[in-house]
């Protein structure tokens, strides 16, 4: 008699780490294309620099640790970190900024804690925050959207700007950051924050050329592109819905509350949802399986907390876009969130109900 073995009908095909990382990168392509369309080829140049630096740094450290270099590189986690960092950095930022951030993300935030699966913080966002605090001038070199720029930028121009600070025709970064009227451009979030401090209302501030229908030019479509990529990740079951929904609902709720209190000071929920890197953060950053919460209830709280902090820092903090800060703050709270939201083992009562039951038995 021959015994035959077959898989359980409930056994699902599991993706390995490399496949998951690559799917996340594929889903980010629409957002990367949108960024390139509106802000030039700078993000692609930074991605090339970050990819080379992240992979080389990881290979060196893994070799020093006497681990399998080929297996580590093939999991594509270093490449994903490079992509997340590159799209967060301003397109006119110098190349050495990307190198420093990439080394910090891999060597300090990831490998110093033991490698993939052990890092308590998201490597790309930790590196971004380090760069923003250490090099605030270089980290604010955002270009005007193509429709407002007085210069046409080619791929060669982008590479020249990143590596030399000047485009092919010799224009400096400050000249390139000026719009067609000669005004230095800021991001929609930064412009709104500055305008409010000078006494303008939010409605008056949103009349500037950088906005269109109350939303930042270019940034709305970039956020829509990342939203599309995020929904694709949900469709493929690469990520769970809890964290993105938590971030979006949390941001919408608190921004809607303050907008109802005083719409002349506090921008609308749609402005906050489709400005900066909110959709990118909700679907591609906050859902990091290593540094995020691991329970369903915990993921909702984790996401809602990120949305809350994004609004608080954007409105009253010193930085206009707060996705990275919000994610790192909530990363620190993950152990506590998981502890209080862990599911109860089947057949076990909660401590409160057990105490009530013991009291009833004594009576």
Protein backbone atom coordinates (compact mmCIF):
# COMPACT_ATOMS: atom_id res chain seq x y z
CA UNK A 1 0.00 0.00 0.00
CA UNK A 2 1.44 3.37 -1.02
CA UNK A 3 0.88 6.45 1.11
CA UNK A 4 0.29 9.63 -0.90
CA UNK A 5 0.69 13.14 0.52
CA UNK A 6 -1.05 16.29 -0.66
CA UNK A 7 -1.22 19.85 0.60
CA UNK A 8 -4.09 21.04 2.74
CA UNK A 9 -6.91 22.79 0.88
CA UNK A 10 -6.33 25.77 3.19
CA UNK A 11 -2.62 26.07 2.42
CA UNK A 12 -1.90 29.25 0.48
CA UNK A 13 1.15 30.00 -1.60
CA UNK A 14 3.48 32.17 0.47
CA UNK A 15 5.65 34.88 -1.08
CA UNK A 16 9.24 35.12 0.01
CA UNK A 17 10.81 38.37 1.21
CA UNK A 18 12.32 39.23 -2.15
CA UNK A 19 9.01 38.85 -3.96
CA UNK A 20 7.21 41.09 -1.45
CA UNK A 21 9.90 43.78 -1.67
CA UNK A 22 9.82 43.78 -5.45
CA UNK A 23 6.01 43.97 -5.55
CA UNK A 24 6.14 47.05 -3.33
CA UNK A 25 8.67 48.64 -5.70
CA UNK A 26 6.54 47.80 -8.74
CA UNK A 27 3.50 49.38 -7.07
CA UNK A 28 5.50 52.56 -6.44
CA UNK A 29 6.24 52.99 -10.16
CA UNK A 30 3.09 55.09 -10.88
CA UNK A 31 4.07 57.52 -8.13
CA UNK A 32 7.66 57.66 -9.34
CA UNK A 33 6.46 58.39 -12.88
CA UNK A 34 4.21 61.17 -11.57
CA UNK A 35 7.07 62.73 -9.62
CA UNK A 36 9.28 62.61 -12.69
CA UNK A 37 6.55 64.19 -14.81
CA UNK A 38 5.98 67.12 -12.44
CA UNK A 39 9.45 67.63 -10.93
CA UNK A 40 11.93 66.26 -13.45
CA UNK A 41 14.32 63.33 -13.41
CA UNK A 42 15.95 64.13 -10.06
CA UNK A 43 14.20 61.29 -8.22
CA UNK A 44 15.53 58.77 -10.75
CA UNK A 45 19.08 60.10 -10.37
CA UNK A 46 18.85 59.90 -6.59
CA UNK A 47 17.45 56.38 -6.83
CA UNK A 48 20.45 55.27 -8.87
CA UNK A 49 22.84 56.78 -6.30
CA UNK A 50 20.87 55.39 -3.34
CA UNK A 51 20.59 51.91 -4.87
CA UNK A 52 24.34 51.64 -5.47
CA UNK A 53 25.12 52.96 -1.97
CA UNK A 54 22.56 50.82 -0.11
CA UNK A 55 23.57 47.60 -1.85
CA UNK A 56 27.31 48.26 -1.40
CA UNK A 57 26.85 49.18 2.29
CA UNK A 58 24.73 46.12 3.00
CA UNK A 59 27.12 43.79 1.17
CA UNK A 60 30.11 45.17 3.09
CA UNK A 61 28.48 44.88 6.51
CA UNK A 62 27.05 41.42 5.85
CA UNK A 63 30.48 40.26 4.69
CA UNK A 64 32.05 41.62 7.88
CA UNK A 65 29.42 39.74 9.87
CA UNK A 66 30.32 36.52 8.01
CA UNK A 67 26.79 36.14 6.66
CA UNK A 68 25.53 35.09 3.22
CA UNK A 69 25.97 38.22 1.10
CA UNK A 70 24.22 36.88 -2.01
CA UNK A 71 21.14 35.79 -0.09
CA UNK A 72 20.92 39.12 1.72
CA UNK A 73 21.21 41.19 -1.44
CA UNK A 74 18.65 39.05 -3.28
CA UNK A 75 15.92 39.83 -0.74
CA UNK A 76 15.75 43.34 -2.35
CA UNK A 77 15.20 45.06 1.01
CA UNK A 78 18.19 47.36 0.48
CA UNK A 79 16.88 48.28 -2.98
CA UNK A 80 13.45 49.11 -1.54
CA UNK A 81 15.05 51.29 1.15
CA UNK A 82 16.92 53.12 -1.62
CA UNK A 83 13.69 53.75 -3.52
CA UNK A 84 11.78 55.01 -0.48
CA UNK A 85 14.60 57.36 0.46
CA UNK A 86 15.17 58.62 -3.10
CA UNK A 87 11.55 59.66 -3.71
CA UNK A 88 11.52 61.49 -0.36
CA UNK A 89 14.59 63.60 -1.09
CA UNK A 90 14.17 66.87 -3.05
CA UNK A 91 15.13 66.45 -6.72
CA UNK A 92 17.74 69.26 -6.52
CA UNK A 93 19.48 67.85 -3.44
CA UNK A 94 23.21 67.09 -3.91
CA UNK A 95 24.35 63.50 -4.49
CA UNK A 96 26.36 63.28 -1.28
CA UNK A 97 23.18 63.82 0.73
CA UNK A 98 21.74 60.61 -0.73
CA UNK A 99 24.97 58.74 -0.01
CA UNK A 100 25.00 59.82 3.65
CA UNK A 101 21.32 58.95 4.07
CA UNK A 102 21.70 55.55 2.40
CA UNK A 103 24.69 54.58 4.56
CA UNK A 104 22.86 55.71 7.69
CA UNK A 105 19.69 53.79 6.77
CA UNK A 106 21.50 50.50 6.12
CA UNK A 107 24.44 50.59 8.52
CA UNK A 108 22.90 52.30 11.55
CA UNK A 109 19.14 51.82 11.42
CA UNK A 110 19.06 48.34 9.88
CA UNK A 111 22.28 46.36 10.34
CA UNK A 112 23.28 47.78 13.73
CA UNK A 113 20.09 46.24 15.15
CA UNK A 114 20.78 42.86 13.56
CA UNK A 115 19.55 43.23 10.00
CA UNK A 116 16.17 42.78 8.35
CA UNK A 117 13.46 41.84 10.82
CA UNK A 118 15.16 43.38 13.87
CA UNK A 119 15.09 47.12 13.19
CA UNK A 120 12.56 48.98 15.37
CA UNK A 121 12.42 51.99 13.03
CA UNK A 122 11.78 52.36 9.34
CA UNK A 123 15.30 52.77 7.85
CA UNK A 124 14.35 55.13 5.02
CA UNK A 125 12.33 57.47 7.25
CA UNK A 126 14.96 57.48 10.00
CA UNK A 127 17.55 58.45 7.40
CA UNK A 128 15.25 61.13 5.99
CA UNK A 129 14.73 62.69 9.43
CA UNK A 130 18.48 62.60 10.13
CA UNK A 131 19.15 64.41 6.85
CA UNK A 132 16.38 66.96 7.41
CA UNK A 133 17.69 67.87 10.86
CA UNK A 134 21.36 67.85 9.84
CA UNK A 135 21.09 69.50 6.41
CA UNK A 136 17.89 71.59 6.40
CA UNK A 137 18.95 73.88 3.52
CA UNK A 138 19.79 71.07 1.11
CA UNK A 139 16.68 69.12 2.13
CA UNK A 140 14.39 71.98 1.09
CA UNK A 141 15.63 72.29 -2.50
CA UNK A 142 12.29 71.37 -4.06
CA UNK A 143 11.81 72.45 -7.65
CA UNK A 144 8.70 74.22 -8.97
CA UNK A 145 6.30 72.03 -10.90
CA UNK A 146 7.03 71.91 -14.63
CA UNK A 147 4.08 74.17 -15.49
CA UNK A 148 5.46 76.96 -13.26
CA UNK A 149 9.16 76.58 -14.02
CA UNK A 150 10.93 79.00 -16.33
CA UNK A 151 13.42 76.31 -17.42
CA UNK A 152 12.91 73.02 -19.21
CA UNK A 153 14.78 70.21 -17.54
CA UNK A 154 16.17 67.15 -19.32
CA UNK A 155 17.55 63.97 -17.79
CA UNK A 156 21.07 65.28 -18.39
CA UNK A 157 20.17 68.53 -16.62
CA UNK A 158 18.91 66.58 -13.61
CA UNK A 159 22.10 64.56 -13.35
CA UNK A 160 24.21 67.71 -13.70
CA UNK A 161 22.21 69.50 -10.98
CA UNK A 162 22.53 66.60 -8.55
CA UNK A 163 26.28 66.15 -9.07
CA UNK A 164 27.43 69.76 -9.66
CA UNK A 165 24.67 72.10 -8.46
CA UNK A 166 24.22 73.57 -11.94
CA UNK A 167 22.33 72.45 -15.02
CA UNK A 168 23.96 71.98 -18.41
CA UNK A 169 23.44 75.65 -19.30
CA UNK A 170 25.06 76.80 -16.06
CA UNK A 171 22.01 77.89 -14.06
CA UNK A 172 22.37 77.45 -10.30
CA UNK A 173 19.95 75.65 -8.00
CA UNK A 174 18.56 78.95 -6.69
CA UNK A 175 17.84 80.12 -10.25
CA UNK A 176 16.21 76.80 -11.10
CA UNK A 177 14.00 77.00 -8.02
CA UNK A 178 12.45 80.26 -9.24
CA UNK A 179 9.11 80.24 -11.02
CA UNK A 180 8.28 82.14 -14.21
CA UNK A 181 7.83 85.33 -12.15
CA UNK A 182 11.22 84.95 -10.48
CA UNK A 183 9.89 83.92 -7.05
CA UNK A 184 11.59 81.09 -5.20
CA UNK A 185 9.18 78.18 -4.98
CA UNK A 186 8.16 76.31 -1.84
CA UNK A 187 6.08 73.20 -1.39
CA UNK A 188 2.32 73.74 -0.92
CA UNK A 189 2.50 72.76 2.74
CA UNK A 190 5.43 75.07 3.42
CA UNK A 191 3.80 77.96 1.57
CA UNK A 192 0.56 77.58 3.53
CA UNK A 193 2.36 77.45 6.88
CA UNK A 194 4.38 80.58 6.02
CA UNK A 195 1.33 82.45 4.72
CA UNK A 196 -0.63 81.79 7.91
CA UNK A 197 2.20 83.18 10.04
CA UNK A 198 2.08 86.44 8.04
CA UNK A 199 -1.62 86.96 8.74
CA UNK A 200 -3.18 85.52 5.60
CA UNK A 201 -6.19 83.22 5.82
CA UNK A 202 -6.01 79.72 4.40
CA UNK A 203 -8.39 80.77 1.61
CA UNK A 204 -6.10 83.67 0.66
CA UNK A 205 -2.99 81.51 0.79
CA UNK A 206 -4.55 78.88 -1.47
CA UNK A 207 -5.01 81.48 -4.22
CA UNK A 208 -1.27 81.43 -4.98
CA UNK A 209 -0.15 80.02 -8.36
CA UNK A 210 1.33 76.97 -6.65
CA UNK A 211 -2.22 75.78 -5.90
CA UNK A 212 -5.01 74.62 -8.18
CA UNK A 213 -8.58 74.30 -6.87
CA UNK A 214 -7.30 74.48 -3.31
CA UNK A 215 -4.76 71.68 -3.79
CA UNK A 216 -1.06 71.79 -4.58
CA UNK A 217 -0.23 71.66 -8.27
CA UNK A 218 1.38 68.34 -9.09
CA UNK A 219 1.14 66.98 -5.56
CA UNK A 220 -2.50 65.99 -5.95
CA UNK A 221 -1.68 63.73 -8.91
CA UNK A 222 1.42 62.36 -7.21
CA UNK A 223 -0.68 61.37 -4.20
CA UNK A 224 -3.30 59.88 -6.51
CA UNK A 225 -0.60 57.81 -8.23
CA UNK A 226 0.66 56.46 -4.89
CA UNK A 227 -2.94 55.80 -3.85
CA UNK A 228 -3.36 53.72 -7.01
CA UNK A 229 -0.19 51.80 -6.23
CA UNK A 230 -1.31 51.28 -2.64
CA UNK A 231 -4.67 49.91 -3.73
CA UNK A 232 -2.79 47.52 -6.01
CA UNK A 233 -0.80 46.29 -3.00
CA UNK A 234 -4.07 45.71 -1.15
CA UNK A 235 -5.51 43.87 -4.13
CA UNK A 236 -2.47 41.59 -4.27
CA UNK A 237 -2.67 41.10 -0.48
CA UNK A 238 0.88 42.35 -0.02
CA UNK A 239 -0.28 44.68 2.78
CA UNK A 240 -3.28 44.78 5.10
CA UNK A 241 -5.88 47.55 4.91
CA UNK A 242 -5.78 48.48 8.58
CA UNK A 243 -2.77 50.83 8.63
CA UNK A 244 -3.58 52.83 5.45
CA UNK A 245 -7.19 53.22 6.54
CA UNK A 246 -6.05 54.27 10.00
CA UNK A 247 -3.70 56.93 8.57
CA UNK A 248 -6.28 58.32 6.12
CA UNK A 249 -9.22 58.28 8.54
CA UNK A 250 -7.11 59.69 11.38
CA UNK A 251 -5.84 62.56 9.24
CA UNK A 252 -9.29 63.24 7.78
CA UNK A 253 -10.98 63.23 11.19
CA UNK A 254 -8.67 65.64 12.99
CA UNK A 255 -8.19 67.98 10.03
CA UNK A 256 -11.97 68.00 9.43
CA UNK A 257 -12.60 68.81 13.09
CA UNK A 258 -10.33 71.85 13.10
CA UNK A 259 -11.48 72.97 9.66
CA UNK A 260 -15.05 73.05 10.94
CA UNK A 261 -13.94 75.13 13.94
CA UNK A 262 -12.16 77.74 11.82
CA UNK A 263 -11.80 77.22 8.08
CA UNK A 264 -9.90 80.51 7.70
CA UNK A 265 -6.96 79.12 9.69
CA UNK A 266 -7.11 75.35 9.21
CA UNK A 267 -6.98 73.85 5.72
CA UNK A 268 -9.53 71.31 4.52
CA UNK A 269 -9.12 67.54 5.01
CA UNK A 270 -8.68 67.04 1.25
CA UNK A 271 -5.75 69.44 1.27
CA UNK A 272 -3.99 67.41 3.95
CA UNK A 273 -4.78 64.06 2.35
CA UNK A 274 -3.43 65.04 -1.06
CA UNK A 275 -0.47 67.19 -0.03
CA UNK A 276 3.08 66.15 0.73
CA UNK A 277 3.74 62.46 1.07
CA UNK A 278 0.62 61.33 2.89
CA UNK A 279 -0.55 58.62 0.48
CA UNK A 280 3.03 57.50 -0.04
CA UNK A 281 3.47 57.26 3.71
CA UNK A 282 0.13 55.54 4.34
CA UNK A 283 0.67 52.70 1.85
CA UNK A 284 4.44 52.37 1.39
CA UNK A 285 6.05 53.59 4.63
CA UNK A 286 3.71 52.96 7.55
CA UNK A 287 2.94 49.40 6.35
CA UNK A 288 6.53 48.25 6.86
CA UNK A 289 5.95 44.78 8.40
CA UNK A 290 9.03 44.99 10.62
CA UNK A 291 8.53 48.32 12.37
CA UNK A 292 4.71 48.50 12.37
CA UNK A 293 2.19 46.94 14.73
CA UNK A 294 1.39 43.27 14.20
CA UNK A 295 -2.20 42.96 15.42
CA UNK A 296 -5.30 44.09 13.53
CA UNK A 297 -6.49 46.42 16.28
CA UNK A 298 -2.95 47.58 16.81
CA UNK A 299 -2.52 48.41 13.12
CA UNK A 300 -5.63 50.60 13.19
CA UNK A 301 -4.36 52.44 16.28
CA UNK A 302 -0.87 52.67 14.78
CA UNK A 303 -2.22 54.18 11.56
CA UNK A 304 -4.59 56.56 13.35
CA UNK A 305 -1.73 57.71 15.57
CA UNK A 306 0.36 58.48 12.49
CA UNK A 307 -2.50 60.52 11.02
CA UNK A 308 -2.87 62.42 14.29
CA UNK A 309 0.84 63.25 14.50
CA UNK A 310 1.00 64.26 10.84
CA UNK A 311 -1.65 66.90 11.42
CA UNK A 312 -0.20 68.10 14.74
CA UNK A 313 3.30 68.58 13.31
CA UNK A 314 2.08 70.09 10.04
CA UNK A 315 -0.12 72.59 11.86
CA UNK A 316 1.89 73.54 14.93
CA UNK A 317 5.33 72.00 14.40
CA UNK A 318 8.44 73.34 12.75
CA UNK A 319 8.29 71.12 9.66
CA UNK A 320 5.65 71.40 6.92
CA UNK A 321 5.46 67.71 5.98
CA UNK A 322 5.49 65.38 8.95
CA UNK A 323 5.05 61.85 7.59
CA UNK A 324 8.55 60.68 8.53
CA UNK A 325 8.38 62.13 12.05
CA UNK A 326 4.90 60.68 12.63
CA UNK A 327 5.98 57.20 11.52
CA UNK A 328 9.07 57.20 13.78
CA UNK A 329 7.06 58.41 16.78
CA UNK A 330 4.55 55.61 16.34
CA UNK A 331 7.35 53.08 15.73
CA UNK A 332 8.42 53.78 19.31
CA UNK A 333 4.93 52.94 20.55
CA UNK A 334 4.59 49.62 18.71
CA UNK A 335 5.62 47.37 21.66
CA UNK A 336 3.02 49.03 23.90
CA UNK A 337 0.32 48.93 21.21
CA UNK A 338 0.95 45.25 20.48
CA UNK A 339 0.94 44.40 24.17
CA UNK A 340 -2.53 45.87 24.78
CA UNK A 341 -4.08 44.73 21.50
CA UNK A 342 -2.80 41.17 21.33
CA UNK A 343 -5.65 38.68 20.79
CA UNK A 344 -6.67 36.54 23.77
CA UNK A 345 -5.81 32.87 23.55
CA UNK A 346 -8.84 30.72 22.82
CA UNK A 347 -10.38 29.36 26.03
CA UNK A 348 -8.83 32.03 28.28
CA UNK A 349 -10.80 34.79 29.96
CA UNK A 350 -9.47 38.31 30.42
CA UNK A 351 -8.06 39.14 33.87
CA UNK A 352 -11.06 41.36 34.63
CA UNK A 353 -13.63 38.69 33.81
CA UNK A 354 -11.62 36.06 35.71
CA UNK A 355 -11.60 38.25 38.82
CA UNK A 356 -15.39 38.73 38.57
CA UNK A 357 -15.88 34.98 38.18
CA UNK A 358 -13.73 34.24 41.25
CA UNK A 359 -15.71 36.79 43.29
CA UNK A 360 -19.00 35.21 42.21
CA UNK A 361 -17.74 31.72 43.16
CA UNK A 362 -16.77 32.94 46.65
CA UNK A 363 -20.26 34.38 47.13
